[in-house]
Amino acid sequence: MDTFFALNPVLLGAIPVIVGLVGVVKSWGFPSQYSVLAAMVFGVAASWLIGTPMPVFITQGIILGLSASGLYSGGKKLTGIS
């Protein structure tokens, strides 16, 4: 249980990849209001692909997805792109 929130460094490196994947999906016509949900799905998939145990990969994936969407929105505010 002490490793429940210990994110693998590979998963932390997946955050910018998730941002890119969500951008690609949005460019294909995916509605922008669901981009956070798409980021969480990609995060869960990344956590599952790494081989994280069952109850942990869902929580870690959600954390990754929310981190990725926060990185994207923070970058937009910093650069002034709307």
PDB file of N, CA and C in Angstrom:
ATOM      1  N   MET A   1       0.814  -1.206   0.000  1.00  0.00           N
ATOM      2  CA  MET A   1       0.000   0.000   0.000  1.00  0.00           C
ATOM      3  C   MET A   1       0.853   1.264   0.000  1.00  0.00           C
ATOM      4  N   ASP A   2       2.092   1.144   0.491  1.00  0.00           N
ATOM      5  CA  ASP A   2       2.932   2.334   0.519  1.00  0.00           C
ATOM      6  C   ASP A   2       3.369   2.754  -0.879  1.00  0.00           C
ATOM      7  N   THR A   3       3.271   1.870  -1.864  1.00  0.00           N
ATOM      8  CA  THR A   3       3.624   2.229  -3.236  1.00  0.00           C
ATOM      9  C   THR A   3       2.403   2.599  -4.068  1.00  0.00           C
ATOM     10  N   PHE A   4       1.271   2.798  -3.437  1.00  0.00           N
ATOM     11  CA  PHE A   4       0.035   3.072  -4.163  1.00  0.00           C
ATOM     12  C   PHE A   4       0.145   4.326  -5.023  1.00  0.00           C
ATOM     13  N   PHE A   5       0.740   5.365  -4.467  1.00  0.00           N
ATOM     14  CA  PHE A   5       0.851   6.613  -5.215  1.00  0.00           C
ATOM     15  C   PHE A   5       2.263   6.871  -5.721  1.00  0.00           C
ATOM     16  N   ALA A   6       3.133   5.865  -5.660  1.00  0.00           N
ATOM     17  CA  ALA A   6       4.483   6.014  -6.185  1.00  0.00           C
ATOM     18  C   ALA A   6       4.436   5.801  -7.693  1.00  0.00           C
ATOM     19  N   LEU A   7       4.492   6.886  -8.439  1.00  0.00           N
ATOM     20  CA  LEU A   7       4.417   6.794  -9.895  1.00  0.00           C
ATOM     21  C   LEU A   7       5.762   6.370 -10.468  1.00  0.00           C
ATOM     22  N   ASN A   8       5.711   5.461 -11.390  1.00  0.00           N
ATOM     23  CA  ASN A   8       6.880   4.997 -12.112  1.00  0.00           C
ATOM     24  C   ASN A   8       7.423   6.164 -12.942  1.00  0.00           C
ATOM     25  N   PRO A   9       8.748   6.363 -12.987  1.00  0.00           N
ATOM     26  CA  PRO A   9       9.291   7.461 -13.808  1.00  0.00           C
ATOM     27  C   PRO A   9       8.895   7.366 -15.279  1.00  0.00           C
ATOM     28  N   VAL A  10       8.688   6.165 -15.782  1.00  0.00           N
ATOM     29  CA  VAL A  10       8.231   6.001 -17.162  1.00  0.00           C
ATOM     30  C   VAL A  10       6.834   6.594 -17.319  1.00  0.00           C
ATOM     31  N   LEU A  11       5.992   6.400 -16.302  1.00  0.00           N
ATOM     32  CA  LEU A  11       4.639   6.964 -16.360  1.00  0.00           C
ATOM     33  C   LEU A  11       4.682   8.482 -16.309  1.00  0.00           C
ATOM     34  N   LEU A  12       5.579   9.039 -15.522  1.00  0.00           N
ATOM     35  CA  LEU A  12       5.690  10.496 -15.486  1.00  0.00           C
ATOM     36  C   LEU A  12       6.133  11.042 -16.837  1.00  0.00           C
ATOM     37  N   GLY A  13       6.954  10.287 -17.541  1.00  0.00           N
ATOM     38  CA  GLY A  13       7.356  10.684 -18.888  1.00  0.00           C
ATOM     39  C   GLY A  13       6.225  10.568 -19.893  1.00  0.00           C
ATOM     40  N   ALA A  14       5.179   9.830 -19.526  1.00  0.00           N
ATOM     41  CA  ALA A  14       4.037   9.663 -20.422  1.00  0.00           C
ATOM     42  C   ALA A  14       3.119  10.880 -20.426  1.00  0.00           C
ATOM     43  N   ILE A  15       3.263  11.764 -19.470  1.00  0.00           N
ATOM     44  CA  ILE A  15       2.365  12.920 -19.379  1.00  0.00           C
ATOM     45  C   ILE A  15       2.428  13.782 -20.650  1.00  0.00           C
ATOM     46  N   PRO A  16       3.624  14.170 -21.142  1.00  0.00           N
ATOM     47  CA  PRO A  16       3.624  14.946 -22.388  1.00  0.00           C
ATOM     48  C   PRO A  16       3.113  14.149 -23.587  1.00  0.00           C
ATOM     49  N   VAL A  17       3.304  12.832 -23.557  1.00  0.00           N
ATOM     50  CA  VAL A  17       2.783  11.993 -24.642  1.00  0.00           C
ATOM     51  C   VAL A  17       1.259  12.016 -24.623  1.00  0.00           C
ATOM     52  N   ILE A  18       0.674  11.975 -23.433  1.00  0.00           N
ATOM     53  CA  ILE A  18      -0.784  12.032 -23.304  1.00  0.00           C
ATOM     54  C   ILE A  18      -1.300  13.367 -23.820  1.00  0.00           C
ATOM     55  N   VAL A  19      -0.590  14.448 -23.502  1.00  0.00           N
ATOM     56  CA  VAL A  19      -0.983  15.771 -24.021  1.00  0.00           C
ATOM     57  C   VAL A  19      -0.993  15.749 -25.548  1.00  0.00           C
ATOM     58  N   GLY A  20       0.035  15.159 -26.132  1.00  0.00           N
ATOM     59  CA  GLY A  20       0.097  15.071 -27.594  1.00  0.00           C
ATOM     60  C   GLY A  20      -1.004  14.207 -28.179  1.00  0.00           C
ATOM     61  N   LEU A  21      -1.291  13.070 -27.536  1.00  0.00           N
ATOM     62  CA  LEU A  21      -2.351  12.191 -28.027  1.00  0.00           C
ATOM     63  C   LEU A  21      -3.717  12.859 -27.970  1.00  0.00           C
ATOM     64  N   VAL A  22      -3.965  13.594 -26.904  1.00  0.00           N
ATOM     65  CA  VAL A  22      -5.241  14.303 -26.801  1.00  0.00           C
ATOM     66  C   VAL A  22      -5.327  15.370 -27.884  1.00  0.00           C
ATOM     67  N   GLY A  23      -4.217  16.041 -28.161  1.00  0.00           N
ATOM     68  CA  GLY A  23      -4.203  17.028 -29.246  1.00  0.00           C
ATOM     69  C   GLY A  23      -4.499  16.406 -30.595  1.00  0.00           C
ATOM     70  N   VAL A  24      -3.951  15.220 -30.835  1.00  0.00           N
ATOM     71  CA  VAL A  24      -4.213  14.517 -32.091  1.00  0.00           C
ATOM     72  C   VAL A  24      -5.680  14.126 -32.193  1.00  0.00           C
ATOM     73  N   VAL A  25      -6.222  13.599 -31.103  1.00  0.00           N
ATOM     74  CA  VAL A  25      -7.629  13.174 -31.103  1.00  0.00           C
ATOM     75  C   VAL A  25      -8.549  14.375 -31.314  1.00  0.00           C
ATOM     76  N   LYS A  26      -8.197  15.511 -30.694  1.00  0.00           N
ATOM     77  CA  LYS A  26      -9.007  16.713 -30.889  1.00  0.00           C
ATOM     78  C   LYS A  26      -8.923  17.212 -32.330  1.00  0.00           C
ATOM     79  N   SER A  27      -7.759  17.054 -32.965  1.00  0.00           N
ATOM     80  CA  SER A  27      -7.637  17.489 -34.357  1.00  0.00           C
ATOM     81  C   SER A  27      -8.446  16.598 -35.295  1.00  0.00           C
ATOM     82  N   TRP A  28      -8.769  15.397 -34.864  1.00  0.00           N
ATOM     83  CA  TRP A  28      -9.614  14.484 -35.649  1.00  0.00           C
ATOM     84  C   TRP A  28     -11.097  14.781 -35.472  1.00  0.00           C
ATOM     85  N   GLY A  29     -11.435  15.772 -34.633  1.00  0.00           N
ATOM     86  CA  GLY A  29     -12.827  16.155 -34.469  1.00  0.00           C
ATOM     87  C   GLY A  29     -13.435  15.764 -33.137  1.00  0.00           C
ATOM     88  N   PHE A  30     -12.627  15.250 -32.209  1.00  0.00           N
ATOM     89  CA  PHE A  30     -13.135  14.900 -30.885  1.00  0.00           C
ATOM     90  C   PHE A  30     -13.539  16.183 -30.158  1.00  0.00           C
ATOM     91  N   PRO A  31     -14.717  16.225 -29.531  1.00  0.00           N
ATOM     92  CA  PRO A  31     -15.169  17.458 -28.870  1.00  0.00           C
ATOM     93  C   PRO A  31     -14.215  17.899 -27.757  1.00  0.00           C
ATOM     94  N   SER A  32     -13.900  19.171 -27.721  1.00  0.00           N
ATOM     95  CA  SER A  32     -12.946  19.708 -26.740  1.00  0.00           C
ATOM     96  C   SER A  32     -13.417  19.558 -25.303  1.00  0.00           C
ATOM     97  N   GLN A  33     -14.726  19.587 -25.087  1.00  0.00           N
ATOM     98  CA  GLN A  33     -15.211  19.496 -23.713  1.00  0.00           C
ATOM     99  C   GLN A  33     -14.938  18.126 -23.088  1.00  0.00           C
ATOM    100  N   TYR A  34     -14.637  17.125 -23.910  1.00  0.00           N
ATOM    101  CA  TYR A  34     -14.333  15.793 -23.395  1.00  0.00           C
ATOM    102  C   TYR A  34     -12.841  15.493 -23.400  1.00  0.00           C
ATOM    103  N   SER A  35     -12.016  16.502 -23.575  1.00  0.00           N
ATOM    104  CA  SER A  35     -10.578  16.269 -23.657  1.00  0.00           C
ATOM    105  C   SER A  35     -10.000  15.780 -22.330  1.00  0.00           C
ATOM    106  N   VAL A  36     -10.549  16.212 -21.207  1.00  0.00           N
ATOM    107  CA  VAL A  36     -10.072  15.726 -19.908  1.00  0.00           C
ATOM    108  C   VAL A  36     -10.385  14.240 -19.768  1.00  0.00           C
ATOM    109  N   LEU A  37     -11.559  13.834 -20.205  1.00  0.00           N
ATOM    110  CA  LEU A  37     -11.925  12.418 -20.167  1.00  0.00           C
ATOM    111  C   LEU A  37     -10.997  11.601 -21.063  1.00  0.00           C
ATOM    112  N   ALA A  38     -10.688  12.116 -22.233  1.00  0.00           N
ATOM    113  CA  ALA A  38      -9.767  11.417 -23.139  1.00  0.00           C
ATOM    114  C   ALA A  38      -8.380  11.309 -22.500  1.00  0.00           C
ATOM    115  N   ALA A  39      -7.932  12.360 -21.833  1.00  0.00           N
ATOM    116  CA  ALA A  39      -6.628  12.325 -21.168  1.00  0.00           C
ATOM    117  C   ALA A  39      -6.612  11.267 -20.067  1.00  0.00           C
ATOM    118  N   MET A  40      -7.709  11.151 -19.321  1.00  0.00           N
ATOM    119  CA  MET A  40      -7.761  10.132 -18.270  1.00  0.00           C
ATOM    120  C   MET A  40      -7.765   8.728 -18.863  1.00  0.00           C
ATOM    121  N   VAL A  41      -8.456   8.535 -19.974  1.00  0.00           N
ATOM    122  CA  VAL A  41      -8.464   7.222 -20.631  1.00  0.00           C
ATOM    123  C   VAL A  41      -7.056   6.871 -21.119  1.00  0.00           C
ATOM    124  N   PHE A  42      -6.368   7.827 -21.734  1.00  0.00           N
ATOM    125  CA  PHE A  42      -4.993   7.582 -22.169  1.00  0.00           C
ATOM    126  C   PHE A  42      -4.073   7.322 -20.977  1.00  0.00           C
ATOM    127  N   GLY A  43      -4.314   8.007 -19.866  1.00  0.00           N
ATOM    128  CA  GLY A  43      -3.512   7.784 -18.668  1.00  0.00           C
ATOM    129  C   GLY A  43      -3.709   6.391 -18.098  1.00  0.00           C
ATOM    130  N   VAL A  44      -4.955   5.937 -18.041  1.00  0.00           N
ATOM    131  CA  VAL A  44      -5.237   4.582 -17.553  1.00  0.00           C
ATOM    132  C   VAL A  44      -4.603   3.558 -18.492  1.00  0.00           C
ATOM    133  N   ALA A  45      -4.685   3.797 -19.792  1.00  0.00           N
ATOM    134  CA  ALA A  45      -4.086   2.871 -20.760  1.00  0.00           C
ATOM    135  C   ALA A  45      -2.567   2.818 -20.594  1.00  0.00           C
ATOM    136  N   ALA A  46      -1.933   3.963 -20.393  1.00  0.00           N
ATOM    137  CA  ALA A  46      -0.483   3.995 -20.206  1.00  0.00           C
ATOM    138  C   ALA A  46      -0.089   3.253 -18.936  1.00  0.00           C
ATOM    139  N   SER A  47      -0.820   3.464 -17.868  1.00  0.00           N
ATOM    140  CA  SER A  47      -0.528   2.784 -16.609  1.00  0.00           C
ATOM    141  C   SER A  47      -0.724   1.280 -16.748  1.00  0.00           C
ATOM    142  N   TRP A  48      -1.734   0.870 -17.480  1.00  0.00           N
ATOM    143  CA  TRP A  48      -1.999  -0.556 -17.689  1.00  0.00           C
ATOM    144  C   TRP A  48      -0.902  -1.183 -18.557  1.00  0.00           C
ATOM    145  N   LEU A  49      -0.463  -0.458 -19.589  1.00  0.00           N
ATOM    146  CA  LEU A  49       0.571  -0.989 -20.473  1.00  0.00           C
ATOM    147  C   LEU A  49       1.909  -1.193 -19.764  1.00  0.00           C
ATOM    148  N   ILE A  50       2.196  -0.371 -18.774  1.00  0.00           N
ATOM    149  CA  ILE A  50       3.439  -0.502 -18.020  1.00  0.00           C
ATOM    150  C   ILE A  50       3.398  -1.748 -17.143  1.00  0.00           C
ATOM    151  N   GLY A  51       2.213  -2.213 -16.799  1.00  0.00           N
ATOM    152  CA  GLY A  51       2.088  -3.416 -15.987  1.00  0.00           C
ATOM    153  C   GLY A  51       1.815  -3.141 -14.522  1.00  0.00           C
ATOM    154  N   THR A  52       1.205  -2.015 -14.243  1.00  0.00           N
ATOM    155  CA  THR A  52       0.839  -1.686 -12.875  1.00  0.00           C
ATOM    156  C   THR A  52      -0.281  -2.620 -12.411  1.00  0.00           C
ATOM    157  N   PRO A  53      -0.264  -3.065 -11.148  1.00  0.00           N
ATOM    158  CA  PRO A  53      -1.320  -3.957 -10.660  1.00  0.00           C
ATOM    159  C   PRO A  53      -2.717  -3.349 -10.784  1.00  0.00           C
ATOM    160  N   MET A  54      -3.719  -4.215 -10.846  1.00  0.00           N
ATOM    161  CA  MET A  54      -5.099  -3.839 -11.182  1.00  0.00           C
ATOM    162  C   MET A  54      -5.680  -2.673 -10.396  1.00  0.00           C
ATOM    163  N   PRO A  55      -5.762  -2.713  -9.075  1.00  0.00           N
ATOM    164  CA  PRO A  55      -6.448  -1.588  -8.413  1.00  0.00           C
ATOM    165  C   PRO A  55      -5.665  -0.280  -8.493  1.00  0.00           C
ATOM    166  N   VAL A  56      -4.382  -0.391  -8.747  1.00  0.00           N
ATOM    167  CA  VAL A  56      -3.537   0.801  -8.741  1.00  0.00           C
ATOM    168  C   VAL A  56      -3.547   1.504 -10.094  1.00  0.00           C
ATOM    169  N   PHE A  57      -3.607   0.746 -11.201  1.00  0.00           N
ATOM    170  CA  PHE A  57      -3.436   1.387 -12.510  1.00  0.00           C
ATOM    171  C   PHE A  57      -4.580   2.328 -12.848  1.00  0.00           C
ATOM    172  N   ILE A  58      -5.759   2.083 -12.336  1.00  0.00           N
ATOM    173  CA  ILE A  58      -6.874   2.996 -12.615  1.00  0.00           C
ATOM    174  C   ILE A  58      -6.638   4.341 -11.921  1.00  0.00           C
ATOM    175  N   THR A  59      -6.265   4.286 -10.645  1.00  0.00           N
ATOM    176  CA  THR A  59      -6.023   5.526  -9.906  1.00  0.00           C
ATOM    177  C   THR A  59      -4.831   6.280 -10.475  1.00  0.00           C
ATOM    178  N   GLN A  60      -3.746   5.553 -10.757  1.00  0.00           N
ATOM    179  CA  GLN A  60      -2.579   6.219 -11.325  1.00  0.00           C
ATOM    180  C   GLN A  60      -2.878   6.780 -12.712  1.00  0.00           C
ATOM    181  N   GLY A  61      -3.684   6.078 -13.487  1.00  0.00           N
ATOM    182  CA  GLY A  61      -4.058   6.572 -14.806  1.00  0.00           C
ATOM    183  C   GLY A  61      -4.873   7.843 -14.738  1.00  0.00           C
ATOM    184  N   ILE A  62      -5.786   7.904 -13.783  1.00  0.00           N
ATOM    185  CA  ILE A  62      -6.579   9.122 -13.602  1.00  0.00           C
ATOM    186  C   ILE A  62      -5.672  10.281 -13.187  1.00  0.00           C
ATOM    187  N   ILE A  63      -4.722  10.000 -12.300  1.00  0.00           N
ATOM    188  CA  ILE A  63      -3.773  11.036 -11.887  1.00  0.00           C
ATOM    189  C   ILE A  63      -2.952  11.518 -13.080  1.00  0.00           C
ATOM    190  N   LEU A  64      -2.502  10.579 -13.914  1.00  0.00           N
ATOM    191  CA  LEU A  64      -1.740  10.960 -15.111  1.00  0.00           C
ATOM    192  C   LEU A  64      -2.574  11.808 -16.062  1.00  0.00           C
ATOM    193  N   GLY A  65      -3.813  11.388 -16.292  1.00  0.00           N
ATOM    194  CA  GLY A  65      -4.678  12.136 -17.201  1.00  0.00           C
ATOM    195  C   GLY A  65      -4.965  13.542 -16.713  1.00  0.00           C
ATOM    196  N   LEU A  66      -5.240  13.665 -15.426  1.00  0.00           N
ATOM    197  CA  LEU A  66      -5.495  15.001 -14.880  1.00  0.00           C
ATOM    198  C   LEU A  66      -4.232  15.851 -14.892  1.00  0.00           C
ATOM    199  N   SER A  67      -3.082  15.224 -14.668  1.00  0.00           N
ATOM    200  CA  SER A  67      -1.817  15.964 -14.756  1.00  0.00           C
ATOM    201  C   SER A  67      -1.574  16.457 -16.175  1.00  0.00           C
ATOM    202  N   ALA A  68      -1.861  15.609 -17.140  1.00  0.00           N
ATOM    203  CA  ALA A  68      -1.666  15.997 -18.537  1.00  0.00           C
ATOM    204  C   ALA A  68      -2.596  17.130 -18.936  1.00  0.00           C
ATOM    205  N   SER A  69      -3.850  17.066 -18.509  1.00  0.00           N
ATOM    206  CA  SER A  69      -4.777  18.143 -18.872  1.00  0.00           C
ATOM    207  C   SER A  69      -4.407  19.437 -18.157  1.00  0.00           C
ATOM    208  N   GLY A  70      -3.877  19.332 -16.950  1.00  0.00           N
ATOM    209  CA  GLY A  70      -3.404  20.520 -16.248  1.00  0.00           C
ATOM    210  C   GLY A  70      -2.180  21.113 -16.901  1.00  0.00           C
ATOM    211  N   LEU A  71      -1.285  20.259 -17.392  1.00  0.00           N
ATOM    212  CA  LEU A  71      -0.105  20.738 -18.113  1.00  0.00           C
ATOM    213  C   LEU A  71      -0.512  21.482 -19.377  1.00  0.00           C
ATOM    214  N   TYR A  72      -1.491  20.945 -20.083  1.00  0.00           N
ATOM    215  CA  TYR A  72      -1.954  21.571 -21.322  1.00  0.00           C
ATOM    216  C   TYR A  72      -2.614  22.924 -21.042  1.00  0.00           C
ATOM    217  N   SER A  73      -3.528  22.956 -20.070  1.00  0.00           N
ATOM    218  CA  SER A  73      -4.228  24.214 -19.799  1.00  0.00           C
ATOM    219  C   SER A  73      -3.294  25.252 -19.192  1.00  0.00           C
ATOM    220  N   GLY A  74      -2.342  24.806 -18.379  1.00  0.00           N
ATOM    221  CA  GLY A  74      -1.361  25.734 -17.830  1.00  0.00           C
ATOM    222  C   GLY A  74      -0.464  26.317 -18.910  1.00  0.00           C
ATOM    223  N   GLY A  75      -0.082  25.487 -19.869  1.00  0.00           N
ATOM    224  CA  GLY A  75       0.729  25.968 -20.983  1.00  0.00           C
ATOM    225  C   GLY A  75      -0.019  26.952 -21.850  1.00  0.00           C
ATOM    226  N   LYS A  76      -1.324  26.706 -22.042  1.00  0.00           N
ATOM    227  CA  LYS A  76      -2.133  27.642 -22.817  1.00  0.00           C
ATOM    228  C   LYS A  76      -2.206  28.995 -22.125  1.00  0.00           C
ATOM    229  N   LYS A  77      -2.380  28.994 -20.805  1.00  0.00           N
ATOM    230  CA  LYS A  77      -2.472  30.263 -20.084  1.00  0.00           C
ATOM    231  C   LYS A  77      -1.139  30.998 -20.082  1.00  0.00           C
ATOM    232  N   LEU A  78      -0.058  30.225 -20.001  1.00  0.00           N
ATOM    233  CA  LEU A  78       1.268  30.843 -19.971  1.00  0.00           C
ATOM    234  C   LEU A  78       1.619  31.488 -21.298  1.00  0.00           C
ATOM    235  N   THR A  79       1.265  30.838 -22.391  1.00  0.00           N
ATOM    236  CA  THR A  79       1.600  31.371 -23.705  1.00  0.00           C
ATOM    237  C   THR A  79       0.546  32.336 -24.244  1.00  0.00           C
ATOM    238  N   GLY A  80      -0.643  32.350 -23.639  1.00  0.00           N
ATOM    239  CA  GLY A  80      -1.700  33.245 -24.099  1.00  0.00           C
ATOM    240  C   GLY A  80      -2.480  32.719 -25.274  1.00  0.00           C
ATOM    241  N   ILE A  81      -2.296  31.439 -25.614  1.00  0.00           N
ATOM    242  CA  ILE A  81      -3.034  30.828 -26.720  1.00  0.00           C
ATOM    243  C   ILE A  81      -4.402  30.437 -26.222  1.00  0.00           C
ATOM    244  N   SER A  82      -5.447  30.773 -26.976  1.00  0.00           N
ATOM    245  CA  SER A  82      -6.793  30.421 -26.512  1.00  0.00           C
ATOM    246  C   SER A  82      -7.356  29.249 -27.240  1.00  0.00           C
TER     247      SER A  82
END
